[in-house]
Amino acid sequence: MNEAVAADLQRCIEHIEANDSIKGAVLISGKPNTFIAGADIGMLSRCKNSTDARQISAEAQREFLRIESSEKPIVAAIMGTCMGGGLELALACHYRIAMNSPKTQFAFPEVIFYCKVSFLI
């Protein structure tokens, strides 16, 4: 998940919430065999300090809470890798549907680095 994907997600959620004709939404990935494999390491490496990193995390958490508190049902359709921030996004959705496949895997690799895993768990 990079800045562009996060901005697209924010615009989509705003559109869903603002449009009364939309009764719910299904989040899918455009990548084969990957829902979201986590945060873009390049994006994180561009952080100049811990404040920058905390800001990225806070913005993501705001969007996840917005999804979780939406009055319209939002479903994560998961096929393939679902890790880190992608798993947080899936957990924020009201429902999760996952493909029964060896390629569908869930993980919080952050625990290896002793990072905060998820604010949703």
PDB file of N, CA and C in Angstrom:
ATOM      1  N   MET A   1       0.852  -1.166   0.000  1.00  0.00           N
ATOM      2  CA  MET A   1       0.000   0.000   0.000  1.00  0.00           C
ATOM      3  C   MET A   1       0.899   1.229   0.000  1.00  0.00           C
ATOM      4  N   ASN A   2       0.728   2.067  -0.998  1.00  0.00           N
ATOM      5  CA  ASN A   2       1.524   3.287  -1.090  1.00  0.00           C
ATOM      6  C   ASN A   2       0.607   4.508  -1.024  1.00  0.00           C
ATOM      7  N   GLU A   3       1.182   5.684  -1.222  1.00  0.00           N
ATOM      8  CA  GLU A   3       0.406   6.922  -1.127  1.00  0.00           C
ATOM      9  C   GLU A   3      -0.740   6.957  -2.131  1.00  0.00           C
ATOM     10  N   ALA A   4      -0.496   6.496  -3.346  1.00  0.00           N
ATOM     11  CA  ALA A   4      -1.527   6.532  -4.391  1.00  0.00           C
ATOM     12  C   ALA A   4      -2.697   5.614  -4.046  1.00  0.00           C
ATOM     13  N   VAL A   5      -2.397   4.416  -3.565  1.00  0.00           N
ATOM     14  CA  VAL A   5      -3.457   3.474  -3.179  1.00  0.00           C
ATOM     15  C   VAL A   5      -4.245   4.034  -1.998  1.00  0.00           C
ATOM     16  N   ALA A   6      -3.546   4.605  -1.026  1.00  0.00           N
ATOM     17  CA  ALA A   6      -4.216   5.188   0.139  1.00  0.00           C
ATOM     18  C   ALA A   6      -5.130   6.340  -0.277  1.00  0.00           C
ATOM     19  N   ALA A   7      -4.662   7.182  -1.198  1.00  0.00           N
ATOM     20  CA  ALA A   7      -5.488   8.298  -1.678  1.00  0.00           C
ATOM     21  C   ALA A   7      -6.704   7.788  -2.446  1.00  0.00           C
ATOM     22  N   ASP A   8      -6.516   6.758  -3.269  1.00  0.00           N
ATOM     23  CA  ASP A   8      -7.651   6.156  -3.992  1.00  0.00           C
ATOM     24  C   ASP A   8      -8.669   5.579  -3.017  1.00  0.00           C
ATOM     25  N   LEU A   9      -8.192   4.893  -2.004  1.00  0.00           N
ATOM     26  CA  LEU A   9      -9.083   4.315  -1.004  1.00  0.00           C
ATOM     27  C   LEU A   9      -9.876   5.416  -0.299  1.00  0.00           C
ATOM     28  N   GLN A  10      -9.200   6.490   0.064  1.00  0.00           N
ATOM     29  CA  GLN A  10      -9.869   7.607   0.737  1.00  0.00           C
ATOM     30  C   GLN A  10     -10.956   8.199  -0.157  1.00  0.00           C
ATOM     31  N   ARG A  11     -10.648   8.415  -1.432  1.00  0.00           N
ATOM     32  CA  ARG A  11     -11.646   8.961  -2.370  1.00  0.00           C
ATOM     33  C   ARG A  11     -12.830   8.011  -2.525  1.00  0.00           C
ATOM     34  N   CYS A  12     -12.551   6.725  -2.609  1.00  0.00           N
ATOM     35  CA  CYS A  12     -13.632   5.734  -2.749  1.00  0.00           C
ATOM     36  C   CYS A  12     -14.545   5.737  -1.531  1.00  0.00           C
ATOM     37  N   ILE A  13     -13.968   5.753  -0.349  1.00  0.00           N
ATOM     38  CA  ILE A  13     -14.779   5.746   0.874  1.00  0.00           C
ATOM     39  C   ILE A  13     -15.607   7.025   0.956  1.00  0.00           C
ATOM     40  N   GLU A  14     -15.021   8.162   0.603  1.00  0.00           N
ATOM     41  CA  GLU A  14     -15.781   9.423   0.583  1.00  0.00           C
ATOM     42  C   GLU A  14     -16.948   9.330  -0.389  1.00  0.00           C
ATOM     43  N   HIS A  15     -16.711   8.763  -1.570  1.00  0.00           N
ATOM     44  CA  HIS A  15     -17.760   8.619  -2.584  1.00  0.00           C
ATOM     45  C   HIS A  15     -18.869   7.688  -2.090  1.00  0.00           C
ATOM     46  N   ILE A  16     -18.489   6.582  -1.489  1.00  0.00           N
ATOM     47  CA  ILE A  16     -19.468   5.625  -0.960  1.00  0.00           C
ATOM     48  C   ILE A  16     -20.339   6.288   0.098  1.00  0.00           C
ATOM     49  N   GLU A  17     -19.715   7.012   1.012  1.00  0.00           N
ATOM     50  CA  GLU A  17     -20.459   7.647   2.098  1.00  0.00           C
ATOM     51  C   GLU A  17     -21.365   8.767   1.600  1.00  0.00           C
ATOM     52  N   ALA A  18     -20.936   9.487   0.572  1.00  0.00           N
ATOM     53  CA  ALA A  18     -21.693  10.646   0.092  1.00  0.00           C
ATOM     54  C   ALA A  18     -22.829  10.281  -0.856  1.00  0.00           C
ATOM     55  N   ASN A  19     -22.805   9.099  -1.429  1.00  0.00           N
ATOM     56  CA  ASN A  19     -23.771   8.717  -2.456  1.00  0.00           C
ATOM     57  C   ASN A  19     -24.828   7.781  -1.861  1.00  0.00           C
ATOM     58  N   ASP A  20     -26.052   8.286  -1.727  1.00  0.00           N
ATOM     59  CA  ASP A  20     -27.137   7.491  -1.138  1.00  0.00           C
ATOM     60  C   ASP A  20     -27.538   6.297  -1.985  1.00  0.00           C
ATOM     61  N   SER A  21     -27.236   6.334  -3.276  1.00  0.00           N
ATOM     62  CA  SER A  21     -27.613   5.207  -4.134  1.00  0.00           C
ATOM     63  C   SER A  21     -26.671   4.010  -3.958  1.00  0.00           C
ATOM     64  N   ILE A  22     -25.532   4.229  -3.327  1.00  0.00           N
ATOM     65  CA  ILE A  22     -24.594   3.134  -3.042  1.00  0.00           C
ATOM     66  C   ILE A  22     -24.978   2.536  -1.698  1.00  0.00           C
ATOM     67  N   LYS A  23     -25.301   1.262  -1.714  1.00  0.00           N
ATOM     68  CA  LYS A  23     -25.779   0.579  -0.497  1.00  0.00           C
ATOM     69  C   LYS A  23     -24.673  -0.176   0.231  1.00  0.00           C
ATOM     70  N   GLY A  24     -23.552  -0.392  -0.419  1.00  0.00           N
ATOM     71  CA  GLY A  24     -22.427  -1.108   0.166  1.00  0.00           C
ATOM     72  C   GLY A  24     -21.310  -1.182  -0.857  1.00  0.00           C
ATOM     73  N   ALA A  25     -20.202  -1.787  -0.465  1.00  0.00           N
ATOM     74  CA  ALA A  25     -19.062  -1.860  -1.382  1.00  0.00           C
ATOM     75  C   ALA A  25     -18.249  -3.119  -1.118  1.00  0.00           C
ATOM     76  N   VAL A  26     -17.579  -3.574  -2.158  1.00  0.00           N
ATOM     77  CA  VAL A  26     -16.660  -4.704  -2.068  1.00  0.00           C
ATOM     78  C   VAL A  26     -15.284  -4.207  -2.489  1.00  0.00           C
ATOM     79  N   LEU A  27     -14.302  -4.385  -1.619  1.00  0.00           N
ATOM     80  CA  LEU A  27     -12.925  -3.997  -1.932  1.00  0.00           C
ATOM     81  C   LEU A  27     -12.201  -5.194  -2.519  1.00  0.00           C
ATOM     82  N   ILE A  28     -11.674  -5.015  -3.715  1.00  0.00           N
ATOM     83  CA  ILE A  28     -10.905  -6.061  -4.381  1.00  0.00           C
ATOM     84  C   ILE A  28      -9.578  -5.477  -4.837  1.00  0.00           C
ATOM     85  N   SER A  29      -8.652  -6.337  -5.155  1.00  0.00           N
ATOM     86  CA  SER A  29      -7.350  -5.897  -5.639  1.00  0.00           C
ATOM     87  C   SER A  29      -7.272  -6.065  -7.145  1.00  0.00           C
ATOM     88  N   GLY A  30      -6.541  -5.184  -7.772  1.00  0.00           N
ATOM     89  CA  GLY A  30      -6.284  -5.307  -9.197  1.00  0.00           C
ATOM     90  C   GLY A  30      -5.095  -6.202  -9.498  1.00  0.00           C
ATOM     91  N   LYS A  31      -4.398  -6.641  -8.453  1.00  0.00           N
ATOM     92  CA  LYS A  31      -3.220  -7.495  -8.636  1.00  0.00           C
ATOM     93  C   LYS A  31      -3.606  -8.959  -8.468  1.00  0.00           C
ATOM     94  N   PRO A  32      -3.196  -9.805  -9.386  1.00  0.00           N
ATOM     95  CA  PRO A  32      -3.478 -11.232  -9.205  1.00  0.00           C
ATOM     96  C   PRO A  32      -2.688 -11.791  -8.019  1.00  0.00           C
ATOM     97  N   ASN A  33      -3.332 -12.624  -7.245  1.00  0.00           N
ATOM     98  CA  ASN A  33      -2.710 -13.323  -6.115  1.00  0.00           C
ATOM     99  C   ASN A  33      -2.247 -12.423  -4.979  1.00  0.00           C
ATOM    100  N   THR A  34      -2.735 -11.187  -4.934  1.00  0.00           N
ATOM    101  CA  THR A  34      -2.395 -10.291  -3.829  1.00  0.00           C
ATOM    102  C   THR A  34      -3.585  -9.393  -3.530  1.00  0.00           C
ATOM    103  N   PHE A  35      -4.039  -9.393  -2.274  1.00  0.00           N
ATOM    104  CA  PHE A  35      -5.032  -8.408  -1.845  1.00  0.00           C
ATOM    105  C   PHE A  35      -4.260  -7.122  -1.574  1.00  0.00           C
ATOM    106  N   ILE A  36      -3.547  -7.083  -0.477  1.00  0.00           N
ATOM    107  CA  ILE A  36      -2.571  -6.016  -0.211  1.00  0.00           C
ATOM    108  C   ILE A  36      -1.461  -6.658   0.615  1.00  0.00           C
ATOM    109  N   ALA A  37      -0.247  -6.525   0.152  1.00  0.00           N
ATOM    110  CA  ALA A  37       0.889  -7.179   0.806  1.00  0.00           C
ATOM    111  C   ALA A  37       1.518  -6.312   1.888  1.00  0.00           C
ATOM    112  N   GLY A  38       0.866  -5.221   2.263  1.00  0.00           N
ATOM    113  CA  GLY A  38       1.377  -4.373   3.335  1.00  0.00           C
ATOM    114  C   GLY A  38       1.812  -3.018   2.823  1.00  0.00           C
ATOM    115  N   ALA A  39       2.471  -2.290   3.696  1.00  0.00           N
ATOM    116  CA  ALA A  39       2.923  -0.939   3.367  1.00  0.00           C
ATOM    117  C   ALA A  39       4.076  -0.986   2.368  1.00  0.00           C
ATOM    118  N   ASP A  40       4.135   0.023   1.538  1.00  0.00           N
ATOM    119  CA  ASP A  40       5.228   0.177   0.584  1.00  0.00           C
ATOM    120  C   ASP A  40       6.482   0.579   1.359  1.00  0.00           C
ATOM    121  N   ILE A  41       7.465  -0.292   1.368  1.00  0.00           N
ATOM    122  CA  ILE A  41       8.699  -0.028   2.116  1.00  0.00           C
ATOM    123  C   ILE A  41       9.381   1.237   1.603  1.00  0.00           C
ATOM    124  N   GLY A  42       9.300   1.499   0.306  1.00  0.00           N
ATOM    125  CA  GLY A  42       9.872   2.725  -0.247  1.00  0.00           C
ATOM    126  C   GLY A  42       9.237   3.966   0.353  1.00  0.00           C
ATOM    127  N   MET A  43       7.918   3.921   0.540  1.00  0.00           N
ATOM    128  CA  MET A  43       7.208   5.043   1.147  1.00  0.00           C
ATOM    129  C   MET A  43       7.705   5.248   2.579  1.00  0.00           C
ATOM    130  N   LEU A  44       7.853   4.160   3.302  1.00  0.00           N
ATOM    131  CA  LEU A  44       8.311   4.268   4.687  1.00  0.00           C
ATOM    132  C   LEU A  44       9.762   4.729   4.769  1.00  0.00           C
ATOM    133  N   SER A  45      10.589   4.319   3.807  1.00  0.00           N
ATOM    134  CA  SER A  45      12.001   4.719   3.844  1.00  0.00           C
ATOM    135  C   SER A  45      12.178   6.209   3.546  1.00  0.00           C
ATOM    136  N   ARG A  46      11.168   6.833   2.940  1.00  0.00           N
ATOM    137  CA  ARG A  46      11.241   8.271   2.669  1.00  0.00           C
ATOM    138  C   ARG A  46      10.889   9.121   3.891  1.00  0.00           C
ATOM    139  N   CYS A  47      10.444   8.481   4.956  1.00  0.00           N
ATOM    140  CA  CYS A  47      10.155   9.226   6.186  1.00  0.00           C
ATOM    141  C   CYS A  47      11.465   9.791   6.731  1.00  0.00           C
ATOM    142  N   LYS A  48      11.446  11.066   7.041  1.00  0.00           N
ATOM    143  CA  LYS A  48      12.658  11.719   7.529  1.00  0.00           C
ATOM    144  C   LYS A  48      12.871  11.494   9.027  1.00  0.00           C
ATOM    145  N   ASN A  49      11.771  11.199   9.731  1.00  0.00           N
ATOM    146  CA  ASN A  49      11.857  10.997  11.176  1.00  0.00           C
ATOM    147  C   ASN A  49      10.643  10.203  11.651  1.00  0.00           C
ATOM    148  N   SER A  50      10.618   9.932  12.941  1.00  0.00           N
ATOM    149  CA  SER A  50       9.520   9.128  13.486  1.00  0.00           C
ATOM    150  C   SER A  50       8.182   9.859  13.403  1.00  0.00           C
ATOM    151  N   THR A  51       8.205  11.179  13.397  1.00  0.00           N
ATOM    152  CA  THR A  51       6.961  11.947  13.267  1.00  0.00           C
ATOM    153  C   THR A  51       6.312  11.681  11.917  1.00  0.00           C
ATOM    154  N   ASP A  52       7.112  11.631  10.859  1.00  0.00           N
ATOM    155  CA  ASP A  52       6.578  11.320   9.523  1.00  0.00           C
ATOM    156  C   ASP A  52       5.931   9.937   9.505  1.00  0.00           C
ATOM    157  N   ALA A  53       6.605   8.967  10.103  1.00  0.00           N
ATOM    158  CA  ALA A  53       6.078   7.599  10.130  1.00  0.00           C
ATOM    159  C   ALA A  53       4.792   7.528  10.940  1.00  0.00           C
ATOM    160  N   ARG A  54       4.757   8.233  12.072  1.00  0.00           N
ATOM    161  CA  ARG A  54       3.537   8.247  12.885  1.00  0.00           C
ATOM    162  C   ARG A  54       2.383   8.904  12.140  1.00  0.00           C
ATOM    163  N   GLN A  55       2.677   9.925  11.333  1.00  0.00           N
ATOM    164  CA  GLN A  55       1.630  10.598  10.563  1.00  0.00           C
ATOM    165  C   GLN A  55       1.023   9.641   9.534  1.00  0.00           C
ATOM    166  N   ILE A  56       1.861   8.884   8.844  1.00  0.00           N
ATOM    167  CA  ILE A  56       1.364   7.898   7.875  1.00  0.00           C
ATOM    168  C   ILE A  56       0.473   6.883   8.583  1.00  0.00           C
ATOM    169  N   SER A  57       0.926   6.407   9.734  1.00  0.00           N
ATOM    170  CA  SER A  57       0.157   5.428  10.498  1.00  0.00           C
ATOM    171  C   SER A  57      -1.173   6.017  10.961  1.00  0.00           C
ATOM    172  N   ALA A  58      -1.150   7.252  11.450  1.00  0.00           N
ATOM    173  CA  ALA A  58      -2.377   7.896  11.937  1.00  0.00           C
ATOM    174  C   ALA A  58      -3.382   8.099  10.805  1.00  0.00           C
ATOM    175  N   GLU A  59      -2.898   8.477   9.627  1.00  0.00           N
ATOM    176  CA  GLU A  59      -3.796   8.660   8.481  1.00  0.00           C
ATOM    177  C   GLU A  59      -4.446   7.334   8.089  1.00  0.00           C
ATOM    178  N   ALA A  60      -3.663   6.265   8.081  1.00  0.00           N
ATOM    179  CA  ALA A  60      -4.209   4.943   7.754  1.00  0.00           C
ATOM    180  C   ALA A  60      -5.235   4.527   8.799  1.00  0.00           C
ATOM    181  N   GLN A  61      -4.928   4.746  10.056  1.00  0.00           N
ATOM    182  CA  GLN A  61      -5.853   4.378  11.124  1.00  0.00           C
ATOM    183  C   GLN A  61      -7.166   5.146  11.007  1.00  0.00           C
ATOM    184  N   ARG A  62      -7.094   6.431  10.636  1.00  0.00           N
ATOM    185  CA  ARG A  62      -8.328   7.220  10.437  1.00  0.00           C
ATOM    186  C   ARG A  62      -9.195   6.609   9.345  1.00  0.00           C
ATOM    187  N   GLU A  63      -8.574   6.210   8.238  1.00  0.00           N
ATOM    188  CA  GLU A  63      -9.344   5.607   7.145  1.00  0.00           C
ATOM    189  C   GLU A  63      -9.920   4.256   7.560  1.00  0.00           C
ATOM    190  N   PHE A  64      -9.139   3.464   8.266  1.00  0.00           N
ATOM    191  CA  PHE A  64      -9.631   2.162   8.713  1.00  0.00           C
ATOM    192  C   PHE A  64     -10.816   2.337   9.665  1.00  0.00           C
ATOM    193  N   LEU A  65     -10.723   3.300  10.572  1.00  0.00           N
ATOM    194  CA  LEU A  65     -11.840   3.560  11.486  1.00  0.00           C
ATOM    195  C   LEU A  65     -13.061   4.076  10.731  1.00  0.00           C
ATOM    196  N   ARG A  66     -12.822   4.842   9.698  1.00  0.00           N
ATOM    197  CA  ARG A  66     -13.921   5.343   8.868  1.00  0.00           C
ATOM    198  C   ARG A  66     -14.650   4.179   8.196  1.00  0.00           C
ATOM    199  N   ILE A  67     -13.895   3.220   7.700  1.00  0.00           N
ATOM    200  CA  ILE A  67     -14.486   2.028   7.085  1.00  0.00           C
ATOM    201  C   ILE A  67     -15.260   1.245   8.138  1.00  0.00           C
ATOM    202  N   GLU A  68     -14.619   1.013   9.266  1.00  0.00           N
ATOM    203  CA  GLU A  68     -15.240   0.223  10.330  1.00  0.00           C
ATOM    204  C   GLU A  68     -16.547   0.853  10.816  1.00  0.00           C
ATOM    205  N   SER A  69     -16.597   2.167  10.885  1.00  0.00           N
ATOM    206  CA  SER A  69     -17.786   2.845  11.413  1.00  0.00           C
ATOM    207  C   SER A  69     -18.795   3.223  10.333  1.00  0.00           C
ATOM    208  N   SER A  70     -18.530   2.867   9.095  1.00  0.00           N
ATOM    209  CA  SER A  70     -19.456   3.178   8.008  1.00  0.00           C
ATOM    210  C   SER A  70     -20.798   2.491   8.244  1.00  0.00           C
ATOM    211  N   GLU A  71     -21.869   3.204   7.946  1.00  0.00           N
ATOM    212  CA  GLU A  71     -23.207   2.617   8.054  1.00  0.00           C
ATOM    213  C   GLU A  71     -23.500   1.695   6.878  1.00  0.00           C
ATOM    214  N   LYS A  72     -22.697   1.785   5.844  1.00  0.00           N
ATOM    215  CA  LYS A  72     -22.859   0.924   4.670  1.00  0.00           C
ATOM    216  C   LYS A  72     -21.892  -0.252   4.796  1.00  0.00           C
ATOM    217  N   PRO A  73     -22.360  -1.460   4.511  1.00  0.00           N
ATOM    218  CA  PRO A  73     -21.463  -2.611   4.639  1.00  0.00           C
ATOM    219  C   PRO A  73     -20.334  -2.570   3.615  1.00  0.00           C
ATOM    220  N   ILE A  74     -19.142  -2.816   4.094  1.00  0.00           N
ATOM    221  CA  ILE A  74     -17.967  -2.860   3.229  1.00  0.00           C
ATOM    222  C   ILE A  74     -17.324  -4.235   3.405  1.00  0.00           C
ATOM    223  N   VAL A  75     -17.086  -4.901   2.281  1.00  0.00           N
ATOM    224  CA  VAL A  75     -16.588  -6.272   2.264  1.00  0.00           C
ATOM    225  C   VAL A  75     -15.187  -6.292   1.658  1.00  0.00           C
ATOM    226  N   ALA A  76     -14.284  -7.030   2.275  1.00  0.00           N
ATOM    227  CA  ALA A  76     -12.960  -7.270   1.696  1.00  0.00           C
ATOM    228  C   ALA A  76     -13.012  -8.617   0.983  1.00  0.00           C
ATOM    229  N   ALA A  77     -12.815  -8.615  -0.327  1.00  0.00           N
ATOM    230  CA  ALA A  77     -12.749  -9.849  -1.117  1.00  0.00           C
ATOM    231  C   ALA A  77     -11.271 -10.182  -1.292  1.00  0.00           C
ATOM    232  N   ILE A  78     -10.813 -11.168  -0.558  1.00  0.00           N
ATOM    233  CA  ILE A  78      -9.380 -11.447  -0.446  1.00  0.00           C
ATOM    234  C   ILE A  78      -9.003 -12.662  -1.280  1.00  0.00           C
ATOM    235  N   MET A  79      -8.086 -12.431  -2.201  1.00  0.00           N
ATOM    236  CA  MET A  79      -7.515 -13.513  -2.990  1.00  0.00           C
ATOM    237  C   MET A  79      -6.013 -13.289  -3.025  1.00  0.00           C
ATOM    238  N   GLY A  80      -5.278 -14.122  -2.354  1.00  0.00           N
ATOM    239  CA  GLY A  80      -3.834 -13.977  -2.333  1.00  0.00           C
ATOM    240  C   GLY A  80      -3.339 -13.375  -1.038  1.00  0.00           C
ATOM    241  N   THR A  81      -2.158 -12.814  -1.089  1.00  0.00           N
ATOM    242  CA  THR A  81      -1.475 -12.286   0.079  1.00  0.00           C
ATOM    243  C   THR A  81      -2.240 -11.131   0.706  1.00  0.00           C
ATOM    244  N   CYS A  82      -2.398 -11.207   2.019  1.00  0.00           N
ATOM    245  CA  CYS A  82      -3.068 -10.156   2.788  1.00  0.00           C
ATOM    246  C   CYS A  82      -2.248  -9.974   4.059  1.00  0.00           C
ATOM    247  N   MET A  83      -1.367  -8.961   4.040  1.00  0.00           N
ATOM    248  CA  MET A  83      -0.411  -8.816   5.134  1.00  0.00           C
ATOM    249  C   MET A  83      -0.352  -7.384   5.633  1.00  0.00           C
ATOM    250  N   GLY A  84       0.074  -7.239   6.872  1.00  0.00           N
ATOM    251  CA  GLY A  84       0.328  -5.930   7.452  1.00  0.00           C
ATOM    252  C   GLY A  84      -0.853  -4.993   7.324  1.00  0.00           C
ATOM    253  N   GLY A  85      -0.614  -3.852   6.681  1.00  0.00           N
ATOM    254  CA  GLY A  85      -1.668  -2.861   6.481  1.00  0.00           C
ATOM    255  C   GLY A  85      -2.837  -3.399   5.675  1.00  0.00           C
ATOM    256  N   GLY A  86      -2.571  -4.340   4.787  1.00  0.00           N
ATOM    257  CA  GLY A  86      -3.650  -4.968   4.026  1.00  0.00           C
ATOM    258  C   GLY A  86      -4.561  -5.783   4.919  1.00  0.00           C
ATOM    259  N   LEU A  87      -3.977  -6.466   5.900  1.00  0.00           N
ATOM    260  CA  LEU A  87      -4.773  -7.233   6.847  1.00  0.00           C
ATOM    261  C   LEU A  87      -5.529  -6.293   7.779  1.00  0.00           C
ATOM    262  N   GLU A  88      -4.900  -5.189   8.168  1.00  0.00           N
ATOM    263  CA  GLU A  88      -5.613  -4.192   8.970  1.00  0.00           C
ATOM    264  C   GLU A  88      -6.821  -3.664   8.206  1.00  0.00           C
ATOM    265  N   LEU A  89      -6.643  -3.388   6.916  1.00  0.00           N
ATOM    266  CA  LEU A  89      -7.755  -2.922   6.089  1.00  0.00           C
ATOM    267  C   LEU A  89      -8.860  -3.972   6.047  1.00  0.00           C
ATOM    268  N   ALA A  90      -8.494  -5.220   5.826  1.00  0.00           N
ATOM    269  CA  ALA A  90      -9.492  -6.295   5.777  1.00  0.00           C
ATOM    270  C   ALA A  90     -10.232  -6.413   7.107  1.00  0.00           C
ATOM    271  N   LEU A  91      -9.514  -6.287   8.217  1.00  0.00           N
ATOM    272  CA  LEU A  91     -10.148  -6.364   9.530  1.00  0.00           C
ATOM    273  C   LEU A  91     -11.082  -5.188   9.785  1.00  0.00           C
ATOM    274  N   ALA A  92     -10.809  -4.051   9.167  1.00  0.00           N
ATOM    275  CA  ALA A  92     -11.675  -2.880   9.328  1.00  0.00           C
ATOM    276  C   ALA A  92     -12.997  -3.051   8.589  1.00  0.00           C
ATOM    277  N   CYS A  93     -13.007  -3.882   7.560  1.00  0.00           N
ATOM    278  CA  CYS A  93     -14.233  -4.113   6.792  1.00  0.00           C
ATOM    279  C   CYS A  93     -15.238  -4.886   7.642  1.00  0.00           C
ATOM    280  N   HIS A  94     -16.501  -4.721   7.301  1.00  0.00           N
ATOM    281  CA  HIS A  94     -17.564  -5.398   8.043  1.00  0.00           C
ATOM    282  C   HIS A  94     -17.548  -6.906   7.812  1.00  0.00           C
ATOM    283  N   TYR A  95     -17.167  -7.297   6.608  1.00  0.00           N
ATOM    284  CA  TYR A  95     -17.114  -8.715   6.247  1.00  0.00           C
ATOM    285  C   TYR A  95     -15.846  -8.968   5.450  1.00  0.00           C
ATOM    286  N   ARG A  96     -15.359 -10.213   5.530  1.00  0.00           N
ATOM    287  CA  ARG A  96     -14.200 -10.636   4.774  1.00  0.00           C
ATOM    288  C   ARG A  96     -14.543 -11.952   4.095  1.00  0.00           C
ATOM    289  N   ILE A  97     -14.288 -12.020   2.813  1.00  0.00           N
ATOM    290  CA  ILE A  97     -14.465 -13.257   2.060  1.00  0.00           C
ATOM    291  C   ILE A  97     -13.103 -13.580   1.462  1.00  0.00           C
ATOM    292  N   ALA A  98     -12.610 -14.785   1.741  1.00  0.00           N
ATOM    293  CA  ALA A  98     -11.277 -15.159   1.266  1.00  0.00           C
ATOM    294  C   ALA A  98     -11.362 -16.374   0.358  1.00  0.00           C
ATOM    295  N   MET A  99     -10.576 -16.338  -0.692  1.00  0.00           N
ATOM    296  CA  MET A  99     -10.472 -17.453  -1.625  1.00  0.00           C
ATOM    297  C   MET A  99      -9.779 -18.620  -0.925  1.00  0.00           C
ATOM    298  N   ASN A 100     -10.334 -19.801  -1.052  1.00  0.00           N
ATOM    299  CA  ASN A 100      -9.727 -20.998  -0.475  1.00  0.00           C
ATOM    300  C   ASN A 100      -8.626 -21.466  -1.425  1.00  0.00           C
ATOM    301  N   SER A 101      -7.420 -20.967  -1.178  1.00  0.00           N
ATOM    302  CA  SER A 101      -6.289 -21.239  -2.055  1.00  0.00           C
ATOM    303  C   SER A 101      -4.996 -21.189  -1.238  1.00  0.00           C
ATOM    304  N   PRO A 102      -4.000 -21.994  -1.592  1.00  0.00           N
ATOM    305  CA  PRO A 102      -2.709 -21.908  -0.904  1.00  0.00           C
ATOM    306  C   PRO A 102      -2.067 -20.522  -1.038  1.00  0.00           C
ATOM    307  N   LYS A 103      -2.450 -19.774  -2.058  1.00  0.00           N
ATOM    308  CA  LYS A 103      -1.877 -18.440  -2.258  1.00  0.00           C
ATOM    309  C   LYS A 103      -2.515 -17.393  -1.350  1.00  0.00           C
ATOM    310  N   THR A 104      -3.650 -17.716  -0.750  1.00  0.00           N
ATOM    311  CA  THR A 104      -4.290 -16.790   0.178  1.00  0.00           C
ATOM    312  C   THR A 104      -3.663 -16.986   1.546  1.00  0.00           C
ATOM    313  N   GLN A 105      -2.909 -15.964   1.970  1.00  0.00           N
ATOM    314  CA  GLN A 105      -2.184 -16.035   3.237  1.00  0.00           C
ATOM    315  C   GLN A 105      -2.380 -14.742   4.007  1.00  0.00           C
ATOM    316  N   PHE A 106      -2.493 -14.878   5.318  1.00  0.00           N
ATOM    317  CA  PHE A 106      -2.671 -13.733   6.203  1.00  0.00           C
ATOM    318  C   PHE A 106      -1.479 -13.656   7.144  1.00  0.00           C
ATOM    319  N   ALA A 107      -0.955 -12.444   7.354  1.00  0.00           N
ATOM    320  CA  ALA A 107       0.200 -12.316   8.250  1.00  0.00           C
ATOM    321  C   ALA A 107       0.371 -10.878   8.711  1.00  0.00           C
ATOM    322  N   PHE A 108       0.958 -10.754   9.893  1.00  0.00           N
ATOM    323  CA  PHE A 108       1.431  -9.472  10.407  1.00  0.00           C
ATOM    324  C   PHE A 108       2.946  -9.586  10.554  1.00  0.00           C
ATOM    325  N   PRO A 109       3.705  -9.379   9.473  1.00  0.00           N
ATOM    326  CA  PRO A 109       5.160  -9.534   9.566  1.00  0.00           C
ATOM    327  C   PRO A 109       5.811  -8.513  10.491  1.00  0.00           C
ATOM    328  N   GLU A 110       5.068  -7.480  10.876  1.00  0.00           N
ATOM    329  CA  GLU A 110       5.618  -6.455  11.759  1.00  0.00           C
ATOM    330  C   GLU A 110       6.094  -7.029  13.083  1.00  0.00           C
ATOM    331  N   VAL A 111       5.508  -8.140  13.501  1.00  0.00           N
ATOM    332  CA  VAL A 111       5.898  -8.705  14.796  1.00  0.00           C
ATOM    333  C   VAL A 111       7.359  -9.129  14.807  1.00  0.00           C
ATOM    334  N   ILE A 112       7.901  -9.444  13.650  1.00  0.00           N
ATOM    335  CA  ILE A 112       9.320  -9.805  13.559  1.00  0.00           C
ATOM    336  C   ILE A 112      10.197  -8.616  13.958  1.00  0.00           C
ATOM    337  N   PHE A 113       9.719  -7.407  13.643  1.00  0.00           N
ATOM    338  CA  PHE A 113      10.488  -6.193  13.922  1.00  0.00           C
ATOM    339  C   PHE A 113      10.029  -5.511  15.204  1.00  0.00           C
ATOM    340  N   TYR A 114       9.188  -6.207  15.976  1.00  0.00           N
ATOM    341  CA  TYR A 114       8.664  -5.675  17.235  1.00  0.00           C
ATOM    342  C   TYR A 114       7.895  -4.377  17.028  1.00  0.00           C
ATOM    343  N   CYS A 115       7.233  -4.259  15.884  1.00  0.00           N
ATOM    344  CA  CYS A 115       6.416  -3.080  15.612  1.00  0.00           C
ATOM    345  C   CYS A 115       5.015  -3.302  16.163  1.00  0.00           C
ATOM    346  N   LYS A 116       4.319  -2.198  16.348  1.00  0.00           N
ATOM    347  CA  LYS A 116       2.908  -2.269  16.728  1.00  0.00           C
ATOM    348  C   LYS A 116       2.180  -3.045  15.641  1.00  0.00           C
ATOM    349  N   VAL A 117       1.458  -4.075  16.023  1.00  0.00           N
ATOM    350  CA  VAL A 117       0.831  -4.935  15.026  1.00  0.00           C
ATOM    351  C   VAL A 117      -0.392  -4.280  14.437  1.00  0.00           C
ATOM    352  N   SER A 118      -1.404  -4.040  15.221  1.00  0.00           N
ATOM    353  CA  SER A 118      -2.640  -3.518  14.670  1.00  0.00           C
ATOM    354  C   SER A 118      -3.436  -2.843  15.755  1.00  0.00           C
ATOM    355  N   PHE A 119      -4.053  -1.751  15.411  1.00  0.00           N
ATOM    356  CA  PHE A 119      -4.914  -1.085  16.367  1.00  0.00           C
ATOM    357  C   PHE A 119      -6.290  -1.730  16.389  1.00  0.00           C
ATOM    358  N   LEU A 120      -6.572  -2.642  15.457  1.00  0.00           N
ATOM    359  CA  LEU A 120      -7.890  -3.264  15.380  1.00  0.00           C
ATOM    360  C   LEU A 120      -7.982  -4.561  16.159  1.00  0.00           C
ATOM    361  N   ILE A 121      -6.874  -5.162  16.491  1.00  0.00           N
ATOM    362  CA  ILE A 121      -6.922  -6.452  17.184  1.00  0.00           C
ATOM    363  C   ILE A 121      -7.107  -6.229  18.663  1.00  0.00           C
TER     364      ILE A 121
END
